[in-house]
Amino acid sequence: MYKLEKSVFINRPQQEVFDFVTNLANDAQYQSGLELSEWTSDGPPAIGSTHKVVRNLLERKVEAAMEVTSWDPPNQWGNKTGSVRRHAKI
């Protein structure tokens, strides 16, 4: 298993950054090839919430169902699809 880490300093309050990156409507602003990102579960986001993403990858549309695996505002959130996990520590 590979682990990739990257740190970026954003000169904004931590809660503002968390709110931005967890608002799926903003995903296309910082994820290339993303065509759609939307919640598929009801209620506010929490562990177990689901959303889907559609990406244009090598001229093909790839859809993935995602599940929130960690939710700790304004510190971190994580999600997974199948065996792929993504985690953001704010």
N, C-alpha and C. Protein backbone atom coordinates (compact mmCIF):
# COMPACT_ATOMS: atom_id res chain seq x y z
N MET A 1 0.84 -1.17 0.00
CA MET A 1 0.00 0.00 0.00
C MET A 1 0.89 1.24 0.00
N TYR A 2 0.51 2.21 -0.79
CA TYR A 2 1.24 3.47 -0.87
C TYR A 2 0.56 4.53 -0.05
N LYS A 3 1.35 5.43 0.50
CA LYS A 3 0.80 6.55 1.24
C LYS A 3 1.44 7.81 0.67
N LEU A 4 0.61 8.74 0.29
CA LEU A 4 1.07 10.00 -0.28
C LEU A 4 0.58 11.12 0.62
N GLU A 5 1.47 12.00 1.03
CA GLU A 5 1.10 13.14 1.85
C GLU A 5 1.59 14.41 1.20
N LYS A 6 0.78 15.44 1.32
CA LYS A 6 1.15 16.75 0.81
C LYS A 6 0.56 17.79 1.74
N SER A 7 1.34 18.80 2.05
CA SER A 7 0.87 19.88 2.91
C SER A 7 0.81 21.17 2.11
N VAL A 8 -0.24 21.93 2.35
CA VAL A 8 -0.43 23.22 1.70
C VAL A 8 -0.88 24.21 2.77
N PHE A 9 -0.23 25.36 2.83
CA PHE A 9 -0.65 26.40 3.77
C PHE A 9 -1.66 27.30 3.07
N ILE A 10 -2.81 27.48 3.70
CA ILE A 10 -3.85 28.37 3.18
C ILE A 10 -4.10 29.42 4.25
N ASN A 11 -3.88 30.66 3.90
CA ASN A 11 -3.98 31.75 4.86
C ASN A 11 -5.44 32.15 5.11
N ARG A 12 -6.19 31.23 5.71
CA ARG A 12 -7.60 31.41 6.03
C ARG A 12 -7.88 30.72 7.36
N PRO A 13 -8.96 31.11 8.05
CA PRO A 13 -9.33 30.39 9.27
C PRO A 13 -9.62 28.91 8.97
N GLN A 14 -9.26 28.06 9.90
CA GLN A 14 -9.40 26.61 9.72
C GLN A 14 -10.84 26.21 9.38
N GLN A 15 -11.83 26.78 10.06
CA GLN A 15 -13.22 26.44 9.79
C GLN A 15 -13.61 26.83 8.36
N GLU A 16 -13.12 27.95 7.87
CA GLU A 16 -13.43 28.39 6.51
C GLU A 16 -12.87 27.40 5.48
N VAL A 17 -11.66 26.92 5.71
CA VAL A 17 -11.05 25.94 4.80
C VAL A 17 -11.84 24.63 4.84
N PHE A 18 -12.17 24.17 6.03
CA PHE A 18 -12.95 22.92 6.17
C PHE A 18 -14.28 23.04 5.44
N ASP A 19 -14.98 24.16 5.65
CA ASP A 19 -16.27 24.36 4.99
C ASP A 19 -16.13 24.35 3.47
N PHE A 20 -15.05 24.92 2.97
CA PHE A 20 -14.83 24.97 1.52
C PHE A 20 -14.58 23.58 0.94
N VAL A 21 -13.67 22.82 1.54
CA VAL A 21 -13.32 21.52 0.97
C VAL A 21 -14.39 20.46 1.20
N THR A 22 -15.28 20.66 2.16
CA THR A 22 -16.35 19.69 2.37
C THR A 22 -17.64 20.09 1.67
N ASN A 23 -17.64 21.22 0.98
CA ASN A 23 -18.77 21.62 0.15
C ASN A 23 -18.51 21.05 -1.25
N LEU A 24 -19.21 20.00 -1.60
CA LEU A 24 -18.93 19.30 -2.86
C LEU A 24 -19.09 20.18 -4.08
N ALA A 25 -19.85 21.25 -3.98
CA ALA A 25 -20.00 22.17 -5.10
C ALA A 25 -18.67 22.84 -5.46
N ASN A 26 -17.70 22.84 -4.55
CA ASN A 26 -16.40 23.45 -4.78
C ASN A 26 -15.36 22.49 -5.35
N ASP A 27 -15.64 21.20 -5.38
CA ASP A 27 -14.63 20.20 -5.76
C ASP A 27 -13.97 20.47 -7.10
N ALA A 28 -14.73 20.87 -8.10
CA ALA A 28 -14.17 21.09 -9.44
C ALA A 28 -13.17 22.24 -9.47
N GLN A 29 -13.20 23.11 -8.45
CA GLN A 29 -12.25 24.23 -8.40
C GLN A 29 -10.83 23.77 -8.08
N TYR A 30 -10.68 22.59 -7.48
CA TYR A 30 -9.34 22.14 -7.13
C TYR A 30 -9.07 20.68 -7.50
N GLN A 31 -9.98 20.05 -8.24
CA GLN A 31 -9.76 18.68 -8.71
C GLN A 31 -9.95 18.64 -10.22
N SER A 32 -8.89 18.44 -10.94
CA SER A 32 -8.97 18.44 -12.40
C SER A 32 -9.73 17.21 -12.90
N GLY A 33 -10.44 17.39 -13.99
CA GLY A 33 -11.17 16.31 -14.62
C GLY A 33 -12.49 15.95 -13.94
N LEU A 34 -12.84 16.67 -12.90
CA LEU A 34 -14.08 16.37 -12.18
C LEU A 34 -15.26 17.00 -12.89
N GLU A 35 -16.27 16.20 -13.19
CA GLU A 35 -17.46 16.71 -13.87
C GLU A 35 -18.64 16.85 -12.92
N LEU A 36 -18.70 16.01 -11.89
CA LEU A 36 -19.83 16.02 -10.96
C LEU A 36 -19.38 15.52 -9.60
N SER A 37 -19.87 16.15 -8.57
CA SER A 37 -19.65 15.71 -7.20
C SER A 37 -20.89 16.12 -6.41
N GLU A 38 -21.63 15.12 -5.90
CA GLU A 38 -22.87 15.45 -5.20
C GLU A 38 -23.17 14.43 -4.11
N TRP A 39 -23.83 14.91 -3.05
CA TRP A 39 -24.25 14.04 -1.96
C TRP A 39 -25.37 13.13 -2.45
N THR A 40 -25.35 11.87 -2.03
CA THR A 40 -26.40 10.93 -2.37
C THR A 40 -27.16 10.48 -1.13
N SER A 41 -26.77 10.96 0.03
CA SER A 41 -27.48 10.63 1.27
C SER A 41 -28.15 11.89 1.80
N ASP A 42 -29.16 11.68 2.62
CA ASP A 42 -29.90 12.80 3.21
C ASP A 42 -29.24 13.28 4.50
N GLY A 43 -29.58 14.48 4.90
CA GLY A 43 -29.09 15.03 6.15
C GLY A 43 -27.72 15.65 6.02
N PRO A 44 -27.24 16.22 7.10
CA PRO A 44 -25.91 16.83 7.08
C PRO A 44 -24.82 15.76 6.97
N PRO A 45 -23.67 16.12 6.37
CA PRO A 45 -22.58 15.15 6.25
C PRO A 45 -22.10 14.64 7.61
N ALA A 46 -21.82 13.35 7.66
CA ALA A 46 -21.33 12.69 8.87
C ALA A 46 -20.70 11.37 8.44
N ILE A 47 -20.09 10.67 9.38
CA ILE A 47 -19.55 9.35 9.07
C ILE A 47 -20.69 8.48 8.54
N GLY A 48 -20.44 7.84 7.40
CA GLY A 48 -21.45 7.00 6.77
C GLY A 48 -22.21 7.70 5.65
N SER A 49 -22.12 9.03 5.57
CA SER A 49 -22.77 9.75 4.47
C SER A 49 -22.15 9.32 3.16
N THR A 50 -22.93 9.41 2.08
CA THR A 50 -22.43 8.98 0.78
C THR A 50 -22.54 10.10 -0.25
N HIS A 51 -21.65 10.06 -1.22
CA HIS A 51 -21.71 10.99 -2.34
C HIS A 51 -21.11 10.30 -3.57
N LYS A 52 -21.39 10.85 -4.73
CA LYS A 52 -20.80 10.28 -5.94
C LYS A 52 -20.00 11.33 -6.66
N VAL A 53 -19.01 10.86 -7.39
CA VAL A 53 -18.19 11.73 -8.22
C VAL A 53 -18.13 11.13 -9.62
N VAL A 54 -18.09 12.00 -10.61
CA VAL A 54 -17.91 11.59 -12.00
C VAL A 54 -16.71 12.35 -12.53
N ARG A 55 -15.73 11.62 -13.04
CA ARG A 55 -14.51 12.21 -13.56
C ARG A 55 -14.35 11.88 -15.04
N ASN A 56 -13.67 12.76 -15.73
CA ASN A 56 -13.26 12.50 -17.10
C ASN A 56 -11.81 12.04 -17.01
N LEU A 57 -11.59 10.76 -17.22
CA LEU A 57 -10.27 10.17 -17.08
C LEU A 57 -9.88 9.54 -18.41
N LEU A 58 -8.90 10.12 -19.07
CA LEU A 58 -8.44 9.63 -20.36
C LEU A 58 -9.60 9.54 -21.35
N GLU A 59 -10.39 10.59 -21.39
CA GLU A 59 -11.53 10.72 -22.30
C GLU A 59 -12.65 9.72 -22.03
N ARG A 60 -12.70 9.19 -20.83
CA ARG A 60 -13.78 8.30 -20.41
C ARG A 60 -14.37 8.82 -19.11
N LYS A 61 -15.67 8.68 -18.97
CA LYS A 61 -16.32 9.07 -17.73
C LYS A 61 -16.23 7.92 -16.74
N VAL A 62 -15.74 8.23 -15.56
CA VAL A 62 -15.61 7.23 -14.50
C VAL A 62 -16.42 7.73 -13.31
N GLU A 63 -17.37 6.92 -12.86
CA GLU A 63 -18.22 7.28 -11.73
C GLU A 63 -17.80 6.44 -10.52
N ALA A 64 -17.77 7.08 -9.36
CA ALA A 64 -17.42 6.37 -8.13
C ALA A 64 -18.38 6.76 -7.01
N ALA A 65 -18.81 5.76 -6.26
CA ALA A 65 -19.61 5.98 -5.06
C ALA A 65 -18.66 6.12 -3.89
N MET A 66 -18.81 7.19 -3.13
CA MET A 66 -17.91 7.48 -2.02
C MET A 66 -18.67 7.39 -0.69
N GLU A 67 -17.96 7.04 0.37
CA GLU A 67 -18.54 7.01 1.71
C GLU A 67 -17.62 7.76 2.67
N VAL A 68 -18.19 8.63 3.49
CA VAL A 68 -17.41 9.38 4.48
C VAL A 68 -16.97 8.42 5.59
N THR A 69 -15.66 8.39 5.85
CA THR A 69 -15.09 7.48 6.85
C THR A 69 -14.63 8.21 8.11
N SER A 70 -14.42 9.51 8.00
CA SER A 70 -14.10 10.31 9.19
C SER A 70 -14.67 11.71 8.98
N TRP A 71 -15.14 12.30 10.08
CA TRP A 71 -15.76 13.63 10.03
C TRP A 71 -15.52 14.29 11.37
N ASP A 72 -14.58 15.22 11.41
CA ASP A 72 -14.20 15.90 12.65
C ASP A 72 -14.00 17.39 12.37
N PRO A 73 -15.10 18.15 12.14
CA PRO A 73 -14.97 19.57 11.83
C PRO A 73 -14.32 20.34 12.98
N PRO A 74 -13.46 21.27 12.72
CA PRO A 74 -12.90 21.68 11.45
C PRO A 74 -11.53 21.05 11.19
N ASN A 75 -11.28 19.89 11.76
CA ASN A 75 -9.93 19.30 11.73
C ASN A 75 -9.66 18.37 10.54
N GLN A 76 -10.59 17.47 10.25
CA GLN A 76 -10.31 16.49 9.20
C GLN A 76 -11.59 15.85 8.70
N TRP A 77 -11.47 15.30 7.48
CA TRP A 77 -12.52 14.44 6.95
C TRP A 77 -11.87 13.44 6.03
N GLY A 78 -12.49 12.30 5.88
CA GLY A 78 -11.95 11.27 5.01
C GLY A 78 -13.08 10.53 4.32
N ASN A 79 -12.77 9.93 3.18
CA ASN A 79 -13.76 9.13 2.48
C ASN A 79 -13.08 7.99 1.75
N LYS A 80 -13.91 7.06 1.27
CA LYS A 80 -13.37 5.90 0.55
C LYS A 80 -14.32 5.51 -0.57
N THR A 81 -13.77 4.84 -1.54
CA THR A 81 -14.53 4.15 -2.57
C THR A 81 -13.85 2.83 -2.78
N GLY A 82 -14.54 1.75 -2.57
CA GLY A 82 -13.91 0.43 -2.68
C GLY A 82 -12.73 0.35 -1.74
N SER A 83 -11.54 0.11 -2.27
CA SER A 83 -10.34 0.01 -1.44
C SER A 83 -9.53 1.30 -1.43
N VAL A 84 -10.02 2.35 -2.12
CA VAL A 84 -9.29 3.62 -2.18
C VAL A 84 -9.80 4.55 -1.09
N ARG A 85 -8.89 5.06 -0.28
CA ARG A 85 -9.26 5.99 0.78
C ARG A 85 -8.59 7.34 0.55
N ARG A 86 -9.31 8.40 0.88
CA ARG A 86 -8.79 9.76 0.78
C ARG A 86 -9.06 10.42 2.12
N HIS A 87 -8.07 11.12 2.63
CA HIS A 87 -8.18 11.74 3.95
C HIS A 87 -7.59 13.14 3.90
N ALA A 88 -8.31 14.10 4.44
CA ALA A 88 -7.82 15.48 4.48
C ALA A 88 -7.77 15.94 5.92
N LYS A 89 -6.60 16.33 6.37
CA LYS A 89 -6.44 16.90 7.70
C LYS A 89 -6.28 18.39 7.52
N ILE A 90 -7.19 19.17 8.09
CA ILE A 90 -7.23 20.61 7.90
C ILE A 90 -6.38 21.29 8.95
